[in-house]
């Protein structure tokens, strides 16, 4: 999969805005720190359930965190 085909995300930006570590965010949404790291790097696409949990954690819309490539 090329970089152009990957789901774009702003998870790292939102996490930094809320001053959370990857481990803290992972604990809040019940996943491993490695899962958060892989999502942020584009190596893993979250499930719908996880995307909704992440959006809820930041009081944001899923579309604020994740965008389809153009």
Protein backbone atom coordinates (compact mmCIF):
# COMPACT_ATOMS: atom_id res chain seq x y z
CA UNK A 1 0.00 0.00 0.00
CA UNK A 2 1.47 3.35 -1.00
CA UNK A 3 1.38 6.44 1.24
CA UNK A 4 -1.24 7.93 -1.06
CA UNK A 5 -3.61 5.03 -0.33
CA UNK A 6 -3.33 5.14 3.45
CA UNK A 7 -5.94 6.59 5.73
CA UNK A 8 -4.70 9.99 6.88
CA UNK A 9 -5.01 10.72 10.57
CA UNK A 10 -4.48 13.53 13.03
CA UNK A 11 -4.38 11.34 16.11
CA UNK A 12 -0.90 12.48 17.15
CA UNK A 13 -1.96 16.12 16.85
CA UNK A 14 -5.06 15.60 18.99
CA UNK A 15 -3.10 13.56 21.53
CA UNK A 16 -0.50 16.34 21.83
CA UNK A 17 -3.20 19.00 22.17
CA UNK A 18 -4.59 17.05 25.14
CA UNK A 19 -1.10 16.44 26.57
CA UNK A 20 -1.49 12.65 26.59
CA UNK A 21 1.20 10.07 26.07
CA UNK A 22 0.55 7.13 23.79
CA UNK A 23 0.33 4.91 26.88
CA UNK A 24 -2.23 7.18 28.57
CA UNK A 25 -4.43 7.32 25.48
CA UNK A 26 -4.11 3.56 24.99
CA UNK A 27 -5.29 2.93 28.53
CA UNK A 28 -8.28 5.25 28.10
CA UNK A 29 -9.49 3.44 24.97
CA UNK A 30 -8.44 -0.05 26.12
CA UNK A 31 -5.75 -0.88 23.55
CA UNK A 32 -1.98 -1.27 23.69
CA UNK A 33 0.46 1.62 23.34
CA UNK A 34 1.80 -0.14 20.25
CA UNK A 35 -1.66 0.05 18.63
CA UNK A 36 -1.74 3.83 19.15
CA UNK A 37 1.79 4.09 17.75
CA UNK A 38 0.88 2.05 14.66
CA UNK A 39 -2.26 4.12 14.03
CA UNK A 40 -0.28 7.36 14.30
CA UNK A 41 2.36 6.09 11.87
CA UNK A 42 -0.24 4.87 9.38
CA UNK A 43 0.69 1.22 9.83
CA UNK A 44 -2.69 0.22 11.23
CA UNK A 45 -6.24 1.29 10.37
CA UNK A 46 -8.44 1.29 13.47
CA UNK A 47 -11.74 -0.56 13.60
CA UNK A 48 -14.91 1.48 13.51
CA UNK A 49 -15.35 0.87 17.23
CA UNK A 50 -11.84 2.09 18.05
CA UNK A 51 -12.19 5.14 15.78
CA UNK A 52 -15.41 6.05 17.61
CA UNK A 53 -13.76 5.58 21.02
CA UNK A 54 -10.85 7.80 20.00
CA UNK A 55 -13.18 10.49 18.68
CA UNK A 56 -15.24 10.38 21.88
CA UNK A 57 -12.08 10.66 23.98
CA UNK A 58 -11.22 13.94 22.24
CA UNK A 59 -14.84 15.17 21.96
CA UNK A 60 -14.36 15.21 18.19
CA UNK A 61 -15.92 13.69 15.10
CA UNK A 62 -14.28 10.65 13.53
CA UNK A 63 -13.73 12.79 10.43
CA UNK A 64 -11.71 15.24 12.54
CA UNK A 65 -9.25 12.43 13.34
CA UNK A 66 -9.29 10.36 10.16
CA UNK A 67 -9.59 11.31 6.48
CA UNK A 68 -9.62 9.26 3.29
CA UNK A 69 -6.83 10.16 0.86
CA UNK A 70 -7.80 12.30 -2.11
